[in-house]
Amino acid sequence: HNDGIKQWYQRRVRDQYLVLGLTASIPLMALSKILQIKSNFMNGHTGQLSFVTNLMNFLGTLARLFTVVQEVDDSLILMNITVVFLLNTIIVLQFLLYWNVEPPKEKSS
């Protein structure tokens, strides 16, 4: 009987850490993307960012979003991937918006 309680408790504690990790990752991940989006907007260009890398991030999150909607019944995971997808979409749109914009050249003294 005690083994069943012990297994339930161990599983429950792991689930709590999983929820905590997923919940903490949303604002941390969003903050990093929001800072990049703000930097691109303030500079009026995407600078040294790689379009290919960001496009792959966008496509990967699109595929993951589709998979989560089809296969997973967890609103926390769905919220997490939706936020990532929306922010990756904004970054890709910034690449398209600033496609031909060159960063200003530094003036030499």
PDB file of N, CA and C in Angstrom:
ATOM      1  N   HIS A   1       0.828  -1.202   0.000  1.00  0.00           N
ATOM      2  CA  HIS A   1       0.000   0.000   0.000  1.00  0.00           C
ATOM      3  C   HIS A   1       0.867   1.259   0.000  1.00  0.00           C
ATOM      4  N   ASN A   2       1.942   1.257   0.777  1.00  0.00           N
ATOM      5  CA  ASN A   2       2.827   2.424   0.835  1.00  0.00           C
ATOM      6  C   ASN A   2       3.536   2.672  -0.494  1.00  0.00           C
ATOM      7  N   ASP A   3       3.813   1.574  -1.239  1.00  0.00           N
ATOM      8  CA  ASP A   3       4.470   1.749  -2.541  1.00  0.00           C
ATOM      9  C   ASP A   3       3.577   2.522  -3.500  1.00  0.00           C
ATOM     10  N   GLY A   4       2.288   2.282  -3.463  1.00  0.00           N
ATOM     11  CA  GLY A   4       1.362   3.005  -4.321  1.00  0.00           C
ATOM     12  C   GLY A   4       1.317   4.483  -4.003  1.00  0.00           C
ATOM     13  N   ILE A   5       1.313   4.813  -2.726  1.00  0.00           N
ATOM     14  CA  ILE A   5       1.313   6.221  -2.303  1.00  0.00           C
ATOM     15  C   ILE A   5       2.621   6.881  -2.711  1.00  0.00           C
ATOM     16  N   LYS A   6       3.727   6.152  -2.511  1.00  0.00           N
ATOM     17  CA  LYS A   6       5.039   6.702  -2.869  1.00  0.00           C
ATOM     18  C   LYS A   6       5.118   6.974  -4.380  1.00  0.00           C
ATOM     19  N   GLN A   7       4.646   6.040  -5.193  1.00  0.00           N
ATOM     20  CA  GLN A   7       4.671   6.231  -6.641  1.00  0.00           C
ATOM     21  C   GLN A   7       3.770   7.394  -7.062  1.00  0.00           C
ATOM     22  N   TRP A   8       2.587   7.489  -6.440  1.00  0.00           N
ATOM     23  CA  TRP A   8       1.683   8.597  -6.762  1.00  0.00           C
ATOM     24  C   TRP A   8       2.340   9.924  -6.412  1.00  0.00           C
ATOM     25  N   TYR A   9       2.957  10.005  -5.242  1.00  0.00           N
ATOM     26  CA  TYR A   9       3.592  11.245  -4.790  1.00  0.00           C
ATOM     27  C   TYR A   9       4.750  11.627  -5.726  1.00  0.00           C
ATOM     28  N   GLN A  10       5.584  10.640  -6.097  1.00  0.00           N
ATOM     29  CA  GLN A  10       6.715  10.925  -6.977  1.00  0.00           C
ATOM     30  C   GLN A  10       6.226  11.409  -8.340  1.00  0.00           C
ATOM     31  N   ARG A  11       5.180  10.794  -8.841  1.00  0.00           N
ATOM     32  CA  ARG A  11       4.639  11.206 -10.138  1.00  0.00           C
ATOM     33  C   ARG A  11       4.040  12.603 -10.040  1.00  0.00           C
ATOM     34  N   ARG A  12       3.329  12.884  -8.980  1.00  0.00           N
ATOM     35  CA  ARG A  12       2.678  14.179  -8.773  1.00  0.00           C
ATOM     36  C   ARG A  12       3.711  15.297  -8.658  1.00  0.00           C
ATOM     37  N   VAL A  13       4.778  15.047  -7.936  1.00  0.00           N
ATOM     38  CA  VAL A  13       5.836  16.053  -7.786  1.00  0.00           C
ATOM     39  C   VAL A  13       6.468  16.336  -9.148  1.00  0.00           C
ATOM     40  N   ARG A  14       6.723  15.311  -9.916  1.00  0.00           N
ATOM     41  CA  ARG A  14       7.291  15.507 -11.264  1.00  0.00           C
ATOM     42  C   ARG A  14       6.334  16.324 -12.124  1.00  0.00           C
ATOM     43  N   ASP A  15       5.045  16.048 -12.041  1.00  0.00           N
ATOM     44  CA  ASP A  15       4.061  16.807 -12.810  1.00  0.00           C
ATOM     45  C   ASP A  15       4.055  18.276 -12.401  1.00  0.00           C
ATOM     46  N   GLN A  16       4.199  18.545 -11.114  1.00  0.00           N
ATOM     47  CA  GLN A  16       4.228  19.930 -10.639  1.00  0.00           C
ATOM     48  C   GLN A  16       5.452  20.662 -11.194  1.00  0.00           C
ATOM     49  N   TYR A  17       6.604  19.980 -11.229  1.00  0.00           N
ATOM     50  CA  TYR A  17       7.805  20.601 -11.790  1.00  0.00           C
ATOM     51  C   TYR A  17       7.655  20.835 -13.290  1.00  0.00           C
ATOM     52  N   LEU A  18       6.994  19.916 -13.969  1.00  0.00           N
ATOM     53  CA  LEU A  18       6.759  20.087 -15.396  1.00  0.00           C
ATOM     54  C   LEU A  18       5.893  21.318 -15.649  1.00  0.00           C
ATOM     55  N   VAL A  19       4.820  21.462 -14.896  1.00  0.00           N
ATOM     56  CA  VAL A  19       3.948  22.630 -15.038  1.00  0.00           C
ATOM     57  C   VAL A  19       4.719  23.903 -14.712  1.00  0.00           C
ATOM     58  N   LEU A  20       5.512  23.880 -13.657  1.00  0.00           N
ATOM     59  CA  LEU A  20       6.316  25.041 -13.284  1.00  0.00           C
ATOM     60  C   LEU A  20       7.293  25.400 -14.397  1.00  0.00           C
ATOM     61  N   GLY A  21       7.951  24.411 -14.956  1.00  0.00           N
ATOM     62  CA  GLY A  21       8.902  24.658 -16.045  1.00  0.00           C
ATOM     63  C   GLY A  21       8.232  25.238 -17.278  1.00  0.00           C
ATOM     64  N   LEU A  22       7.094  24.661 -17.656  1.00  0.00           N
ATOM     65  CA  LEU A  22       6.368  25.174 -18.823  1.00  0.00           C
ATOM     66  C   LEU A  22       5.861  26.590 -18.575  1.00  0.00           C
ATOM     67  N   THR A  23       5.350  26.825 -17.389  1.00  0.00           N
ATOM     68  CA  THR A  23       4.819  28.141 -17.058  1.00  0.00           C
ATOM     69  C   THR A  23       5.938  29.186 -17.031  1.00  0.00           C
ATOM     70  N   ALA A  24       7.075  28.849 -16.472  1.00  0.00           N
ATOM     71  CA  ALA A  24       8.206  29.785 -16.399  1.00  0.00           C
ATOM     72  C   ALA A  24       8.806  30.044 -17.772  1.00  0.00           C
ATOM     73  N   SER A  25       8.746  29.068 -18.661  1.00  0.00           N
ATOM     74  CA  SER A  25       9.377  29.236 -19.972  1.00  0.00           C
ATOM     75  C   SER A  25       8.627  30.223 -20.863  1.00  0.00           C
ATOM     76  N   ILE A  26       7.328  30.387 -20.651  1.00  0.00           N
ATOM     77  CA  ILE A  26       6.546  31.277 -21.514  1.00  0.00           C
ATOM     78  C   ILE A  26       7.032  32.719 -21.414  1.00  0.00           C
ATOM     79  N   PRO A  27       7.083  33.331 -20.220  1.00  0.00           N
ATOM     80  CA  PRO A  27       7.552  34.719 -20.176  1.00  0.00           C
ATOM     81  C   PRO A  27       9.025  34.870 -20.525  1.00  0.00           C
ATOM     82  N   LEU A  28       9.854  33.888 -20.182  1.00  0.00           N
ATOM     83  CA  LEU A  28      11.279  33.984 -20.515  1.00  0.00           C
ATOM     84  C   LEU A  28      11.493  33.958 -22.025  1.00  0.00           C
ATOM     85  N   MET A  29      10.834  33.019 -22.692  1.00  0.00           N
ATOM     86  CA  MET A  29      10.966  32.914 -24.134  1.00  0.00           C
ATOM     87  C   MET A  29      10.357  34.135 -24.806  1.00  0.00           C
ATOM     88  N   ALA A  30       9.196  34.560 -24.325  1.00  0.00           N
ATOM     89  CA  ALA A  30       8.526  35.718 -24.921  1.00  0.00           C
ATOM     90  C   ALA A  30       9.380  36.965 -24.763  1.00  0.00           C
ATOM     91  N   LEU A  31       9.996  37.145 -23.620  1.00  0.00           N
ATOM     92  CA  LEU A  31      10.834  38.315 -23.394  1.00  0.00           C
ATOM     93  C   LEU A  31      11.988  38.370 -24.387  1.00  0.00           C
ATOM     94  N   SER A  32      12.646  37.245 -24.614  1.00  0.00           N
ATOM     95  CA  SER A  32      13.775  37.245 -25.551  1.00  0.00           C
ATOM     96  C   SER A  32      13.324  37.588 -26.969  1.00  0.00           C
ATOM     97  N   LYS A  33      12.193  37.061 -27.383  1.00  0.00           N
ATOM     98  CA  LYS A  33      11.691  37.360 -28.736  1.00  0.00           C
ATOM     99  C   LYS A  33      11.188  38.798 -28.833  1.00  0.00           C
ATOM    100  N   ILE A  34      10.512  39.269 -27.785  1.00  0.00           N
ATOM    101  CA  ILE A  34       9.988  40.643 -27.789  1.00  0.00           C
ATOM    102  C   ILE A  34      11.136  41.647 -27.848  1.00  0.00           C
ATOM    103  N   LEU A  35      12.217  41.380 -27.119  1.00  0.00           N
ATOM    104  CA  LEU A  35      13.383  42.267 -27.184  1.00  0.00           C
ATOM    105  C   LEU A  35      13.980  42.301 -28.588  1.00  0.00           C
ATOM    106  N   GLN A  36      14.019  41.145 -29.264  1.00  0.00           N
ATOM    107  CA  GLN A  36      14.529  41.106 -30.639  1.00  0.00           C
ATOM    108  C   GLN A  36      13.604  41.865 -31.570  1.00  0.00           C
ATOM    109  N   ILE A  37      12.306  41.673 -31.422  1.00  0.00           N
ATOM    110  CA  ILE A  37      11.326  42.379 -32.256  1.00  0.00           C
ATOM    111  C   ILE A  37      11.451  43.887 -32.052  1.00  0.00           C
ATOM    112  N   LYS A  38      11.578  44.315 -30.803  1.00  0.00           N
ATOM    113  CA  LYS A  38      11.722  45.742 -30.491  1.00  0.00           C
ATOM    114  C   LYS A  38      13.011  46.292 -31.096  1.00  0.00           C
ATOM    115  N   SER A  39      14.094  45.550 -30.957  1.00  0.00           N
ATOM    116  CA  SER A  39      15.378  45.984 -31.522  1.00  0.00           C
ATOM    117  C   SER A  39      15.282  46.145 -33.036  1.00  0.00           C
ATOM    118  N   ASN A  40      14.681  45.181 -33.712  1.00  0.00           N
ATOM    119  CA  ASN A  40      14.503  45.279 -35.168  1.00  0.00           C
ATOM    120  C   ASN A  40      13.683  46.511 -35.525  1.00  0.00           C
ATOM    121  N   PHE A  41      12.607  46.736 -34.778  1.00  0.00           N
ATOM    122  CA  PHE A  41      11.734  47.878 -35.053  1.00  0.00           C
ATOM    123  C   PHE A  41      12.463  49.201 -34.822  1.00  0.00           C
ATOM    124  N   MET A  42      13.154  49.313 -33.689  1.00  0.00           N
ATOM    125  CA  MET A  42      13.859  50.559 -33.359  1.00  0.00           C
ATOM    126  C   MET A  42      14.986  50.848 -34.360  1.00  0.00           C
ATOM    127  N   ASN A  43      15.662  49.804 -34.815  1.00  0.00           N
ATOM    128  CA  ASN A  43      16.763  49.985 -35.768  1.00  0.00           C
ATOM    129  C   ASN A  43      16.274  50.147 -37.200  1.00  0.00           C
ATOM    130  N   GLY A  44      15.068  49.690 -37.486  1.00  0.00           N
ATOM    131  CA  GLY A  44      14.540  49.770 -38.840  1.00  0.00           C
ATOM    132  C   GLY A  44      15.146  48.746 -39.783  1.00  0.00           C
ATOM    133  N   HIS A  45      15.786  47.725 -39.237  1.00  0.00           N
ATOM    134  CA  HIS A  45      16.360  46.636 -40.028  1.00  0.00           C
ATOM    135  C   HIS A  45      16.595  45.438 -39.114  1.00  0.00           C
ATOM    136  N   THR A  46      16.908  44.297 -39.712  1.00  0.00           N
ATOM    137  CA  THR A  46      17.126  43.080 -38.931  1.00  0.00           C
ATOM    138  C   THR A  46      18.601  42.826 -38.660  1.00  0.00           C
ATOM    139  N   GLY A  47      19.464  43.692 -39.145  1.00  0.00           N
ATOM    140  CA  GLY A  47      20.890  43.594 -38.833  1.00  0.00           C
ATOM    141  C   GLY A  47      21.506  42.288 -39.274  1.00  0.00           C
ATOM    142  N   GLN A  48      22.204  41.635 -38.359  1.00  0.00           N
ATOM    143  CA  GLN A  48      22.955  40.416 -38.658  1.00  0.00           C
ATOM    144  C   GLN A  48      22.138  39.133 -38.481  1.00  0.00           C
ATOM    145  N   LEU A  49      20.855  39.253 -38.203  1.00  0.00           N
ATOM    146  CA  LEU A  49      20.033  38.051 -38.019  1.00  0.00           C
ATOM    147  C   LEU A  49      19.995  37.226 -39.297  1.00  0.00           C
ATOM    148  N   SER A  50      19.936  35.924 -39.142  1.00  0.00           N
ATOM    149  CA  SER A  50      19.862  35.015 -40.277  1.00  0.00           C
ATOM    150  C   SER A  50      18.406  34.767 -40.653  1.00  0.00           C
ATOM    151  N   PHE A  51      18.055  35.101 -41.893  1.00  0.00           N
ATOM    152  CA  PHE A  51      16.698  34.855 -42.366  1.00  0.00           C
ATOM    153  C   PHE A  51      16.398  33.358 -42.379  1.00  0.00           C
ATOM    154  N   VAL A  52      17.353  32.557 -42.838  1.00  0.00           N
ATOM    155  CA  VAL A  52      17.134  31.113 -42.943  1.00  0.00           C
ATOM    156  C   VAL A  52      16.861  30.511 -41.563  1.00  0.00           C
ATOM    157  N   THR A  53      17.644  30.893 -40.568  1.00  0.00           N
ATOM    158  CA  THR A  53      17.449  30.369 -39.211  1.00  0.00           C
ATOM    159  C   THR A  53      16.082  30.757 -38.672  1.00  0.00           C
ATOM    160  N   ASN A  54      15.707  32.005 -38.849  1.00  0.00           N
ATOM    161  CA  ASN A  54      14.407  32.453 -38.343  1.00  0.00           C
ATOM    162  C   ASN A  54      13.252  31.850 -39.130  1.00  0.00           C
ATOM    163  N   LEU A  55      13.439  31.632 -40.417  1.00  0.00           N
ATOM    164  CA  LEU A  55      12.410  30.957 -41.212  1.00  0.00           C
ATOM    165  C   LEU A  55      12.235  29.513 -40.742  1.00  0.00           C
ATOM    166  N   MET A  56      13.349  28.837 -40.433  1.00  0.00           N
ATOM    167  CA  MET A  56      13.244  27.463 -39.932  1.00  0.00           C
ATOM    168  C   MET A  56      12.580  27.443 -38.556  1.00  0.00           C
ATOM    169  N   ASN A  57      12.880  28.428 -37.703  1.00  0.00           N
ATOM    170  CA  ASN A  57      12.183  28.537 -36.412  1.00  0.00           C
ATOM    171  C   ASN A  57      10.686  28.693 -36.625  1.00  0.00           C
ATOM    172  N   PHE A  58      10.312  29.562 -37.549  1.00  0.00           N
ATOM    173  CA  PHE A  58       8.903  29.805 -37.858  1.00  0.00           C
ATOM    174  C   PHE A  58       8.228  28.526 -38.365  1.00  0.00           C
ATOM    175  N   LEU A  59       8.839  27.866 -39.335  1.00  0.00           N
ATOM    176  CA  LEU A  59       8.248  26.651 -39.899  1.00  0.00           C
ATOM    177  C   LEU A  59       8.188  25.520 -38.862  1.00  0.00           C
ATOM    178  N   GLY A  60       9.214  25.439 -38.024  1.00  0.00           N
ATOM    179  CA  GLY A  60       9.219  24.421 -36.968  1.00  0.00           C
ATOM    180  C   GLY A  60       8.100  24.642 -35.964  1.00  0.00           C
ATOM    181  N   THR A  61       7.886  25.908 -35.581  1.00  0.00           N
ATOM    182  CA  THR A  61       6.808  26.168 -34.627  1.00  0.00           C
ATOM    183  C   THR A  61       5.438  26.002 -35.282  1.00  0.00           C
ATOM    184  N   LEU A  62       5.344  26.280 -36.572  1.00  0.00           N
ATOM    185  CA  LEU A  62       4.085  26.033 -37.288  1.00  0.00           C
ATOM    186  C   LEU A  62       3.762  24.536 -37.272  1.00  0.00           C
ATOM    187  N   ALA A  63       4.754  23.709 -37.560  1.00  0.00           N
ATOM    188  CA  ALA A  63       4.551  22.251 -37.544  1.00  0.00           C
ATOM    189  C   ALA A  63       4.218  21.770 -36.130  1.00  0.00           C
ATOM    190  N   ARG A  64       4.920  22.321 -35.150  1.00  0.00           N
ATOM    191  CA  ARG A  64       4.663  21.915 -33.764  1.00  0.00           C
ATOM    192  C   ARG A  64       3.277  22.353 -33.317  1.00  0.00           C
ATOM    193  N   LEU A  65       2.857  23.546 -33.715  1.00  0.00           N
ATOM    194  CA  LEU A  65       1.519  24.027 -33.381  1.00  0.00           C
ATOM    195  C   LEU A  65       0.461  23.091 -33.961  1.00  0.00           C
ATOM    196  N   PHE A  66       0.636  22.708 -35.206  1.00  0.00           N
ATOM    197  CA  PHE A  66      -0.303  21.790 -35.850  1.00  0.00           C
ATOM    198  C   PHE A  66      -0.352  20.462 -35.098  1.00  0.00           C
ATOM    199  N   THR A  67       0.816  19.941 -34.742  1.00  0.00           N
ATOM    200  CA  THR A  67       0.888  18.668 -34.023  1.00  0.00           C
ATOM    201  C   THR A  67       0.231  18.765 -32.649  1.00  0.00           C
ATOM    202  N   VAL A  68       0.501  19.857 -31.936  1.00  0.00           N
ATOM    203  CA  VAL A  68      -0.080  20.027 -30.600  1.00  0.00           C
ATOM    204  C   VAL A  68      -1.599  20.112 -30.683  1.00  0.00           C
ATOM    205  N   VAL A  69      -2.110  20.846 -31.658  1.00  0.00           N
ATOM    206  CA  VAL A  69      -3.568  20.971 -31.817  1.00  0.00           C
ATOM    207  C   VAL A  69      -4.182  19.599 -32.115  1.00  0.00           C
ATOM    208  N   GLN A  70      -3.497  18.795 -32.929  1.00  0.00           N
ATOM    209  CA  GLN A  70      -4.040  17.494 -33.323  1.00  0.00           C
ATOM    210  C   GLN A  70      -3.890  16.416 -32.245  1.00  0.00           C
ATOM    211  N   GLU A  71      -2.768  16.436 -31.511  1.00  0.00           N
ATOM    212  CA  GLU A  71      -2.420  15.289 -30.685  1.00  0.00           C
ATOM    213  C   GLU A  71      -2.437  15.515 -29.175  1.00  0.00           C
ATOM    214  N   VAL A  72      -2.317  16.754 -28.705  1.00  0.00           N
ATOM    215  CA  VAL A  72      -2.121  16.999 -27.276  1.00  0.00           C
ATOM    216  C   VAL A  72      -3.313  17.769 -26.720  1.00  0.00           C
ATOM    217  N   ASP A  73      -3.807  17.298 -25.603  1.00  0.00           N
ATOM    218  CA  ASP A  73      -4.922  17.970 -24.942  1.00  0.00           C
ATOM    219  C   ASP A  73      -4.416  18.672 -23.682  1.00  0.00           C
ATOM    220  N   ASP A  74      -3.552  19.659 -23.892  1.00  0.00           N
ATOM    221  CA  ASP A  74      -2.966  20.382 -22.767  1.00  0.00           C
ATOM    222  C   ASP A  74      -2.922  21.858 -23.124  1.00  0.00           C
ATOM    223  N   SER A  75      -3.728  22.652 -22.437  1.00  0.00           N
ATOM    224  CA  SER A  75      -3.837  24.069 -22.773  1.00  0.00           C
ATOM    225  C   SER A  75      -2.547  24.831 -22.488  1.00  0.00           C
ATOM    226  N   LEU A  76      -1.764  24.396 -21.506  1.00  0.00           N
ATOM    227  CA  LEU A  76      -0.508  25.072 -21.193  1.00  0.00           C
ATOM    228  C   LEU A  76       0.505  24.895 -22.320  1.00  0.00           C
ATOM    229  N   ILE A  77       0.626  23.694 -22.827  1.00  0.00           N
ATOM    230  CA  ILE A  77       1.529  23.444 -23.958  1.00  0.00           C
ATOM    231  C   ILE A  77       1.034  24.193 -25.185  1.00  0.00           C
ATOM    232  N   LEU A  78      -0.273  24.193 -25.422  1.00  0.00           N
ATOM    233  CA  LEU A  78      -0.835  24.910 -26.563  1.00  0.00           C
ATOM    234  C   LEU A  78      -0.575  26.410 -26.448  1.00  0.00           C
ATOM    235  N   MET A  79      -0.741  26.974 -25.259  1.00  0.00           N
ATOM    236  CA  MET A  79      -0.479  28.400 -25.066  1.00  0.00           C
ATOM    237  C   MET A  79       0.997  28.711 -25.320  1.00  0.00           C
ATOM    238  N   ASN A  80       1.877  27.861 -24.813  1.00  0.00           N
ATOM    239  CA  ASN A  80       3.309  28.053 -24.983  1.00  0.00           C
ATOM    240  C   ASN A  80       3.678  28.090 -26.466  1.00  0.00           C
ATOM    241  N   ILE A  81       3.265  27.096 -27.216  1.00  0.00           N
ATOM    242  CA  ILE A  81       3.648  27.021 -28.628  1.00  0.00           C
ATOM    243  C   ILE A  81       2.951  28.105 -29.448  1.00  0.00           C
ATOM    244  N   THR A  82       1.744  28.511 -29.056  1.00  0.00           N
ATOM    245  CA  THR A  82       1.051  29.591 -29.765  1.00  0.00           C
ATOM    246  C   THR A  82       1.790  30.909 -29.605  1.00  0.00           C
ATOM    247  N   VAL A  83       2.251  31.201 -28.399  1.00  0.00           N
ATOM    248  CA  VAL A  83       3.017  32.429 -28.163  1.00  0.00           C
ATOM    249  C   VAL A  83       4.302  32.410 -28.984  1.00  0.00           C
ATOM    250  N   VAL A  84       5.017  31.283 -28.969  1.00  0.00           N
ATOM    251  CA  VAL A  84       6.253  31.163 -29.751  1.00  0.00           C
ATOM    252  C   VAL A  84       5.960  31.363 -31.236  1.00  0.00           C
ATOM    253  N   PHE A  85       4.902  30.741 -31.722  1.00  0.00           N
ATOM    254  CA  PHE A  85       4.555  30.852 -33.135  1.00  0.00           C
ATOM    255  C   PHE A  85       4.241  32.301 -33.523  1.00  0.00           C
ATOM    256  N   LEU A  86       3.451  32.988 -32.717  1.00  0.00           N
ATOM    257  CA  LEU A  86       3.093  34.375 -33.028  1.00  0.00           C
ATOM    258  C   LEU A  86       4.316  35.287 -33.039  1.00  0.00           C
ATOM    259  N   LEU A  87       5.204  35.109 -32.085  1.00  0.00           N
ATOM    260  CA  LEU A  87       6.400  35.946 -32.038  1.00  0.00           C
ATOM    261  C   LEU A  87       7.362  35.614 -33.178  1.00  0.00           C
ATOM    262  N   ASN A  88       7.501  34.336 -33.526  1.00  0.00           N
ATOM    263  CA  ASN A  88       8.325  33.967 -34.688  1.00  0.00           C
ATOM    264  C   ASN A  88       7.731  34.528 -35.970  1.00  0.00           C
ATOM    265  N   THR A  89       6.406  34.563 -36.051  1.00  0.00           N
ATOM    266  CA  THR A  89       5.739  35.135 -37.222  1.00  0.00           C
ATOM    267  C   THR A  89       6.091  36.611 -37.363  1.00  0.00           C
ATOM    268  N   ILE A  90       6.076  37.344 -36.267  1.00  0.00           N
ATOM    269  CA  ILE A  90       6.416  38.771 -36.309  1.00  0.00           C
ATOM    270  C   ILE A  90       7.847  38.967 -36.789  1.00  0.00           C
ATOM    271  N   ILE A  91       8.778  38.148 -36.301  1.00  0.00           N
ATOM    272  CA  ILE A  91      10.175  38.281 -36.724  1.00  0.00           C
ATOM    273  C   ILE A  91      10.323  38.003 -38.214  1.00  0.00           C
ATOM    274  N   VAL A  92       9.659  36.971 -38.722  1.00  0.00           N
ATOM    275  CA  VAL A  92       9.725  36.675 -40.159  1.00  0.00           C
ATOM    276  C   VAL A  92       9.104  37.821 -40.960  1.00  0.00           C
ATOM    277  N   LEU A  93       7.999  38.375 -40.474  1.00  0.00           N
ATOM    278  CA  LEU A  93       7.391  39.526 -41.164  1.00  0.00           C
ATOM    279  C   LEU A  93       8.327  40.732 -41.156  1.00  0.00           C
ATOM    280  N   GLN A  94       9.095  40.905 -40.083  1.00  0.00           N
ATOM    281  CA  GLN A  94      10.069  41.990 -40.055  1.00  0.00           C
ATOM    282  C   GLN A  94      11.150  41.789 -41.119  1.00  0.00           C
ATOM    283  N   PHE A  95      11.567  40.548 -41.336  1.00  0.00           N
ATOM    284  CA  PHE A  95      12.533  40.288 -42.408  1.00  0.00           C
ATOM    285  C   PHE A  95      11.961  40.726 -43.750  1.00  0.00           C
ATOM    286  N   LEU A  96      10.691  40.394 -43.987  1.00  0.00           N
ATOM    287  CA  LEU A  96      10.069  40.767 -45.262  1.00  0.00           C
ATOM    288  C   LEU A  96       9.907  42.284 -45.368  1.00  0.00           C
ATOM    289  N   LEU A  97       9.552  42.931 -44.276  1.00  0.00           N
ATOM    290  CA  LEU A  97       9.372  44.372 -44.257  1.00  0.00           C
ATOM    291  C   LEU A  97      10.691  45.107 -44.476  1.00  0.00           C
ATOM    292  N   TYR A  98      11.749  44.631 -43.860  1.00  0.00           N
ATOM    293  CA  TYR A  98      13.045  45.307 -43.925  1.00  0.00           C
ATOM    294  C   TYR A  98      14.005  44.623 -44.901  1.00  0.00           C
ATOM    295  N   TRP A  99      13.480  43.883 -45.862  1.00  0.00           N
ATOM    296  CA  TRP A  99      14.307  43.046 -46.737  1.00  0.00           C
ATOM    297  C   TRP A  99      15.441  43.812 -47.404  1.00  0.00           C
ATOM    298  N   ASN A 100      15.176  44.956 -47.997  1.00  0.00           N
ATOM    299  CA  ASN A 100      16.200  45.701 -48.738  1.00  0.00           C
ATOM    300  C   ASN A 100      16.837  46.826 -47.929  1.00  0.00           C
ATOM    301  N   VAL A 101      16.556  46.873 -46.639  1.00  0.00           N
ATOM    302  CA  VAL A 101      17.110  47.926 -45.791  1.00  0.00           C
ATOM    303  C   VAL A 101      18.479  47.483 -45.287  1.00  0.00           C
ATOM    304  N   GLU A 102      19.474  48.307 -45.529  1.00  0.00           N
ATOM    305  CA  GLU A 102      20.823  48.027 -45.061  1.00  0.00           C
ATOM    306  C   GLU A 102      21.074  48.776 -43.759  1.00  0.00           C
ATOM    307  N   PRO A 103      21.754  48.135 -42.809  1.00  0.00           N
ATOM    308  CA  PRO A 103      22.130  48.879 -41.604  1.00  0.00           C
ATOM    309  C   PRO A 103      23.054  50.028 -41.988  1.00  0.00           C
ATOM    310  N   PRO A 104      22.961  51.159 -41.276  1.00  0.00           N
ATOM    311  CA  PRO A 104      23.838  52.274 -41.610  1.00  0.00           C
ATOM    312  C   PRO A 104      25.297  51.910 -41.396  1.00  0.00           C
ATOM    313  N   LYS A 105      26.144  52.419 -42.284  1.00  0.00           N
ATOM    314  CA  LYS A 105      27.592  52.169 -42.172  1.00  0.00           C
ATOM    315  C   LYS A 105      28.159  53.045 -41.065  1.00  0.00           C
ATOM    316  N   GLU A 106      29.096  52.479 -40.327  1.00  0.00           N
ATOM    317  CA  GLU A 106      29.759  53.241 -39.271  1.00  0.00           C
ATOM    318  C   GLU A 106      30.731  54.213 -39.920  1.00  0.00           C
ATOM    319  N   LYS A 107      30.729  55.447 -39.453  1.00  0.00           N
ATOM    320  CA  LYS A 107      31.638  56.458 -39.982  1.00  0.00           C
ATOM    321  C   LYS A 107      33.009  56.273 -39.356  1.00  0.00           C
ATOM    322  N   SER A 108      34.036  56.268 -40.205  1.00  0.00           N
ATOM    323  CA  SER A 108      35.385  56.182 -39.662  1.00  0.00           C
ATOM    324  C   SER A 108      35.919  57.570 -39.392  1.00  0.00           C
ATOM    325  N   SER A 109      36.777  57.704 -38.371  1.00  0.00           N
ATOM    326  CA  SER A 109      37.276  59.036 -37.985  1.00  0.00           C
ATOM    327  C   SER A 109      38.396  59.506 -38.842  1.00  0.00           C
TER     328      SER A 109
END
